[in-house]
C-alpha cells in the first residue's frame, strides 16, 4: 500500500492510501441529504433520466459546462444521458474563467418553460438559443459556484479563484489537535500540503470527521496569510504558522461556509 507524506506544522505525517471511510453520514446510491437542509446532491444523469421524480426538489449537481446558452443559462454534461439546462436565477452574473473547470449548481428541478421561468424569476432568456430545449429537464439555480478539483485549485494562477464562491471536493487529511481546519487531497495527486480549509468546526454539527473522508466544501477562496491563520484559531504557534505559510506560498485557502459528505466521485475535468 502506498504512503504519502502530508505536511503538518512541526513535522511530516505519513498517510496510507486506501479505501475512503465515509463516516459523516450514510450515503444513498443516487444522492445524500446535506446536513441541516432539504438539499440533495445527485448525479446530473439522474436529472436527465428521472426528471419527474425530482421535479420540485432542491438538488445540487456538479459537472462541466458543455455550452453557454446566452447570458443566463448553461448546458451541463450528463454521461450517460442528455445534457441538462441550468438557468442562472441567482441574480448575479456568473462567468467561467476556464471552460474545463466544473461548476456546482444548486436549485429546483423543473421542465424548461421559457415563459414561466421569465415571469417567475424576472429573467430575460435568449429564446433563439433555448427554444430547442423547451420542455427539457432544467435546474433553476439559486446558487452557482466554481468547482475545481483540489489539485487544479491549489495550482491555479494566483488570483484565479480568490474572492469567488467555490465548491471543492476531496479527501480529508486531518491536522493533529486542530478542530477548525483540515486539508483536502485528491487521489493520485502527489503533494505534501493539500488545500487548506479553515472555519469548518461550525459546519460539522458535532459529528467527527474522519481521515480520508470524501467531502465537498463550499466557501470563498482567499490568499493565505499569517493573519488569516491566526483569525481561525488553529492552535498553532507563530513559528508553526510561519512555517506553513512558507510552504503554502501564493496559494489560496478555502474559508468554509459549508462542509458535507459527497454523494459522488469528483466531477470530470480539472
Protein backbone atom coordinates (compact mmCIF):
# COMPACT_ATOMS: atom_id res chain seq x y z
CA UNK A 1 0.00 0.00 0.00
CA UNK A 2 1.38 3.43 -0.93
CA UNK A 3 2.22 6.10 1.62
CA UNK A 4 2.07 9.86 1.17
CA UNK A 5 3.84 12.43 3.30
CA UNK A 6 1.44 15.13 4.47
CA UNK A 7 2.96 18.36 5.76
CA UNK A 8 1.84 19.42 9.22
CA UNK A 9 3.31 22.25 11.29
CA UNK A 10 6.38 20.99 13.06
CA UNK A 11 6.80 17.82 11.03
CA UNK A 12 5.60 15.40 8.40
CA UNK A 13 2.86 12.82 8.80
CA UNK A 14 2.72 9.57 6.86
CA UNK A 15 -0.72 8.71 5.46
CA UNK A 16 -1.52 5.35 3.95
CA UNK A 17 -3.54 5.45 0.74
CA UNK A 18 -6.53 3.14 0.59
CA UNK A 19 -10.28 2.86 0.88
CA UNK A 20 -12.16 6.05 1.79
CA UNK A 21 -14.09 5.96 5.08
CA UNK A 22 -17.47 7.68 4.78
CA UNK A 23 -18.09 8.48 8.43
CA UNK A 24 -20.20 11.64 8.38
CA UNK A 25 -23.43 10.04 7.22
CA UNK A 26 -24.76 7.04 5.38
CA UNK A 27 -24.88 7.89 1.67
CA UNK A 28 -27.69 6.92 -0.65
CA UNK A 29 -26.85 5.45 -4.05
CA UNK A 30 -28.29 8.38 -6.01
CA UNK A 31 -27.54 11.13 -3.53
CA UNK A 32 -27.40 12.27 0.07
CA UNK A 33 -29.14 14.81 2.23
CA UNK A 34 -26.93 17.78 3.04
CA UNK A 35 -26.98 18.14 6.84
CA UNK A 36 -29.31 20.85 8.09
CA UNK A 37 -31.04 21.42 4.72
CA UNK A 38 -33.55 19.85 2.38
CA UNK A 39 -30.94 19.82 -0.39
CA UNK A 40 -29.86 16.59 -2.10
CA UNK A 41 -26.69 16.03 -4.10
CA UNK A 42 -27.39 13.95 -7.21
CA UNK A 43 -25.73 12.96 -10.43
CA UNK A 44 -26.52 15.06 -13.47
CA UNK A 45 -27.71 11.96 -15.33
CA UNK A 46 -30.35 11.40 -12.64
CA UNK A 47 -31.87 14.77 -13.52
CA UNK A 48 -31.88 13.88 -17.21
CA UNK A 49 -33.26 10.37 -16.77
CA UNK A 50 -35.67 10.76 -13.84
CA UNK A 51 -36.93 14.33 -14.11
CA UNK A 52 -40.46 13.53 -12.92
CA UNK A 53 -39.23 12.06 -9.62
CA UNK A 54 -37.02 15.10 -8.94
CA UNK A 55 -39.36 17.86 -10.16
CA UNK A 56 -39.87 20.43 -7.42
CA UNK A 57 -36.90 19.16 -5.39
CA UNK A 58 -33.91 21.32 -4.49
CA UNK A 59 -30.81 19.45 -5.63
CA UNK A 60 -27.11 20.02 -6.22
CA UNK A 61 -25.16 18.79 -9.25
CA UNK A 62 -21.51 19.21 -10.12
CA UNK A 63 -20.29 18.96 -13.71
CA UNK A 64 -18.51 20.71 -16.56
CA UNK A 65 -20.31 23.16 -18.81
CA UNK A 66 -20.84 21.83 -22.30
CA UNK A 67 -22.16 25.08 -23.75
CA UNK A 68 -23.15 28.59 -22.64
CA UNK A 69 -26.69 29.47 -23.74
CA UNK A 70 -26.98 33.24 -23.67
CA UNK A 71 -26.27 35.25 -20.53
CA UNK A 72 -28.34 33.26 -18.02
CA UNK A 73 -28.17 29.60 -19.00
CA UNK A 74 -25.69 26.74 -19.32
CA UNK A 75 -25.82 23.26 -20.74
CA UNK A 76 -24.04 20.82 -18.39
CA UNK A 77 -22.80 17.38 -19.34
CA UNK A 78 -24.68 14.22 -18.40
CA UNK A 79 -22.94 10.95 -19.18
CA UNK A 80 -24.83 8.83 -19.95
CA UNK A 81 -27.93 10.83 -20.78
CA UNK A 82 -28.88 14.10 -22.41
CA UNK A 83 -27.32 17.35 -21.21
CA UNK A 84 -29.23 19.33 -18.58
CA UNK A 85 -30.09 23.03 -18.71
CA UNK A 86 -29.01 25.19 -15.76
CA UNK A 87 -30.75 28.56 -15.50
CA UNK A 88 -28.90 31.21 -13.51
CA UNK A 89 -31.54 32.62 -11.14
CA UNK A 90 -29.03 33.85 -8.54
CA UNK A 91 -29.46 37.49 -9.51
CA UNK A 92 -25.73 37.77 -10.20
CA UNK A 93 -23.80 37.22 -13.44
CA UNK A 94 -21.72 34.05 -13.49
CA UNK A 95 -18.56 33.79 -15.54
CA UNK A 96 -16.41 30.73 -16.15
CA UNK A 97 -12.69 31.62 -16.04
CA UNK A 98 -11.88 28.35 -17.80
CA UNK A 99 -14.34 26.03 -19.62
CA UNK A 100 -12.59 22.95 -18.18
CA UNK A 101 -13.50 23.93 -14.60
CA UNK A 102 -16.72 22.24 -13.42
CA UNK A 103 -19.50 24.23 -11.77
CA UNK A 104 -21.69 23.31 -8.83
CA UNK A 105 -25.34 24.25 -9.27
CA UNK A 106 -27.98 24.18 -6.54
CA UNK A 107 -31.62 24.77 -7.42
CA UNK A 108 -35.07 23.45 -8.16
CA UNK A 109 -35.69 20.83 -10.87
CA UNK A 110 -38.43 21.51 -13.41
CA UNK A 111 -39.08 21.15 -17.12
CA UNK A 112 -37.98 24.17 -19.11
CA UNK A 113 -40.75 26.65 -19.87
CA UNK A 114 -39.22 29.91 -21.07
CA UNK A 115 -42.38 31.97 -20.45
CA UNK A 116 -42.92 30.58 -16.96
CA UNK A 117 -39.31 30.99 -15.86
CA UNK A 118 -39.02 34.55 -17.17
CA UNK A 119 -42.22 35.53 -15.34
CA UNK A 120 -41.47 33.65 -12.11
CA UNK A 121 -37.84 34.68 -11.71
CA UNK A 122 -37.76 38.02 -13.51
CA UNK A 123 -35.21 36.78 -16.03
CA UNK A 124 -34.64 37.55 -19.69
CA UNK A 125 -33.62 34.39 -21.51
CA UNK A 126 -32.24 34.01 -25.01
CA UNK A 127 -35.26 32.50 -26.75
CA UNK A 128 -33.42 31.87 -30.00
CA UNK A 129 -30.88 29.70 -28.21
CA UNK A 130 -33.20 28.00 -25.72
CA UNK A 131 -36.20 27.28 -28.00
CA UNK A 132 -34.84 23.83 -28.89
CA UNK A 133 -34.72 22.90 -25.18
CA UNK A 134 -38.32 23.78 -24.30
CA UNK A 135 -39.85 21.05 -22.07
CA UNK A 136 -36.43 19.52 -21.39
CA UNK A 137 -35.06 18.95 -17.84
CA UNK A 138 -33.78 22.11 -16.19
CA UNK A 139 -32.31 23.24 -12.87
CA UNK A 140 -33.31 26.74 -11.76
CA UNK A 141 -30.14 27.59 -9.87
CA UNK A 142 -30.31 29.71 -6.72
CA UNK A 143 -26.58 29.09 -6.17
CA UNK A 144 -23.66 28.66 -8.57
CA UNK A 145 -20.04 28.04 -7.67
CA UNK A 146 -16.83 27.13 -9.43
CA UNK A 147 -15.96 23.51 -8.58
CA UNK A 148 -12.29 22.82 -9.34
CA UNK A 149 -10.62 19.64 -8.15
CA UNK A 150 -8.12 20.18 -5.28
CA UNK A 151 -5.03 19.97 -7.50
CA UNK A 152 -6.40 22.49 -10.00
CA UNK A 153 -7.45 24.81 -7.17
CA UNK A 154 -4.04 24.60 -5.49
CA UNK A 155 -2.01 25.03 -8.69
CA UNK A 156 -4.19 27.73 -10.25
CA UNK A 157 -2.66 31.05 -11.31
CA UNK A 158 -2.57 33.47 -8.40
CA UNK A 159 -5.92 35.24 -8.01
CA UNK A 160 -7.95 32.99 -10.35
CA UNK A 161 -10.34 31.80 -7.64
CA UNK A 162 -9.79 34.41 -4.96
CA UNK A 163 -12.91 36.08 -3.55
CA UNK A 164 -15.17 33.84 -5.62
CA UNK A 165 -17.73 31.29 -4.45
CA UNK A 166 -16.24 27.83 -4.86
CA UNK A 167 -17.10 24.20 -4.13
CA UNK A 168 -14.18 21.79 -3.89
CA UNK A 169 -14.49 18.04 -3.36
CA UNK A 170 -11.69 15.90 -1.99
CA UNK A 171 -10.38 13.52 0.66
CA UNK A 172 -9.92 14.86 4.18
CA UNK A 173 -6.46 14.97 5.74
CA UNK A 174 -6.59 15.96 9.40
CA UNK A 175 -4.10 18.14 11.27
CA UNK A 176 -3.18 16.83 14.73
CA UNK A 177 -5.15 18.53 17.54
CA UNK A 178 -6.85 21.00 15.16
CA UNK A 179 -10.67 21.17 15.13
CA UNK A 180 -11.20 24.19 12.90
CA UNK A 181 -9.25 23.18 9.79
CA UNK A 182 -8.23 20.28 7.59
CA UNK A 183 -6.58 19.72 4.22
CA UNK A 184 -8.27 18.43 1.07
CA UNK A 185 -6.35 15.93 -1.05
CA UNK A 186 -7.05 14.23 -4.37
CA UNK A 187 -6.39 10.62 -5.38
CA UNK A 188 -3.20 10.41 -7.44
CA UNK A 189 -2.08 13.95 -6.57
CA UNK A 190 1.49 13.90 -5.23
CA UNK A 191 1.61 16.79 -2.78
CA UNK A 192 2.56 17.18 0.87
CA UNK A 193 0.38 20.17 1.76
CA UNK A 194 -3.04 19.78 0.16
CA UNK A 195 -5.67 22.52 0.01
CA UNK A 196 -6.11 24.21 3.39
CA UNK A 197 -9.72 24.61 4.59
CA UNK A 198 -10.40 26.80 7.64
CA UNK A 199 -13.53 27.67 9.61
CA UNK A 200 -15.02 24.16 9.48
CA UNK A 201 -15.95 23.38 13.09
CA UNK A 202 -19.34 25.15 12.99
CA UNK A 203 -20.44 23.12 9.93
CA UNK A 204 -19.71 19.61 11.22
CA UNK A 205 -22.63 19.77 13.70
CA UNK A 206 -20.77 17.79 16.32
CA UNK A 207 -20.16 14.81 14.03
CA UNK A 208 -16.47 13.85 13.95
CA UNK A 209 -14.89 13.99 10.53
CA UNK A 210 -12.74 11.02 9.56
CA UNK A 211 -9.30 10.81 7.98
CA UNK A 212 -9.76 10.06 4.26
CA UNK A 213 -13.44 11.02 4.21
CA UNK A 214 -14.68 12.26 0.83
CA UNK A 215 -16.40 15.62 1.36
CA UNK A 216 -17.48 18.69 -0.54
CA UNK A 217 -16.53 22.08 0.89
CA UNK A 218 -18.23 25.31 -0.14
CA UNK A 219 -16.89 28.73 0.67
CA UNK A 220 -14.69 31.52 -0.60
CA UNK A 221 -11.10 31.40 -1.78
CA UNK A 222 -8.77 33.80 -0.01
CA UNK A 223 -4.99 34.26 -0.19
CA UNK A 224 -3.03 32.59 2.61
CA UNK A 225 -1.59 34.86 5.28
CA UNK A 226 -0.40 34.66 8.86
CA UNK A 227 -3.28 36.96 9.85
CA UNK A 228 -5.85 34.60 8.31
CA UNK A 229 -4.45 31.56 10.12
CA UNK A 230 -4.45 33.40 13.46
CA UNK A 231 -8.03 34.56 12.90
CA UNK A 232 -9.30 30.96 12.75
CA UNK A 233 -7.65 29.84 15.98
CA UNK A 234 -5.87 26.73 14.77
CA UNK A 235 -3.78 26.46 17.92
CA UNK A 236 -0.52 26.85 16.02
CA UNK A 237 2.40 28.84 17.38
CA UNK A 238 3.79 31.82 15.47
CA UNK A 239 6.65 29.62 14.28
CA UNK A 240 4.27 26.92 13.04
CA UNK A 241 2.12 29.49 11.24
CA UNK A 242 5.19 30.99 9.56
CA UNK A 243 6.35 27.50 8.58
CA UNK A 244 3.00 26.69 6.96
CA UNK A 245 2.79 29.99 5.08
CA UNK A 246 6.34 29.48 3.77
CA UNK A 247 5.33 26.08 2.37
CA UNK A 248 1.97 27.32 1.04
CA UNK A 249 3.34 30.30 -0.87
CA UNK A 250 0.88 32.25 -3.06
CA UNK A 251 -1.82 29.56 -2.83
CA UNK A 252 -5.48 30.13 -1.96
CA UNK A 253 -7.14 28.95 1.24
CA UNK A 254 -10.81 27.95 1.42
CA UNK A 255 -12.76 29.80 4.09
CA UNK A 256 -15.64 27.36 4.51
CA UNK A 257 -19.33 28.20 4.64
CA UNK A 258 -20.38 24.55 4.37
CA UNK A 259 -18.98 21.02 4.69
CA UNK A 260 -20.97 17.95 3.72
CA UNK A 261 -20.40 14.34 2.64
CA UNK A 262 -20.10 13.84 -1.09
CA UNK A 263 -22.51 11.54 -2.88
CA UNK A 264 -20.41 11.00 -5.98
CA UNK A 265 -16.95 10.95 -7.48
CA UNK A 266 -15.41 14.34 -8.31
CA UNK A 267 -16.68 15.96 -11.49
CA UNK A 268 -14.79 15.28 -14.70
CA UNK A 269 -12.47 17.96 -15.93
CA UNK A 270 -9.87 19.88 -13.95
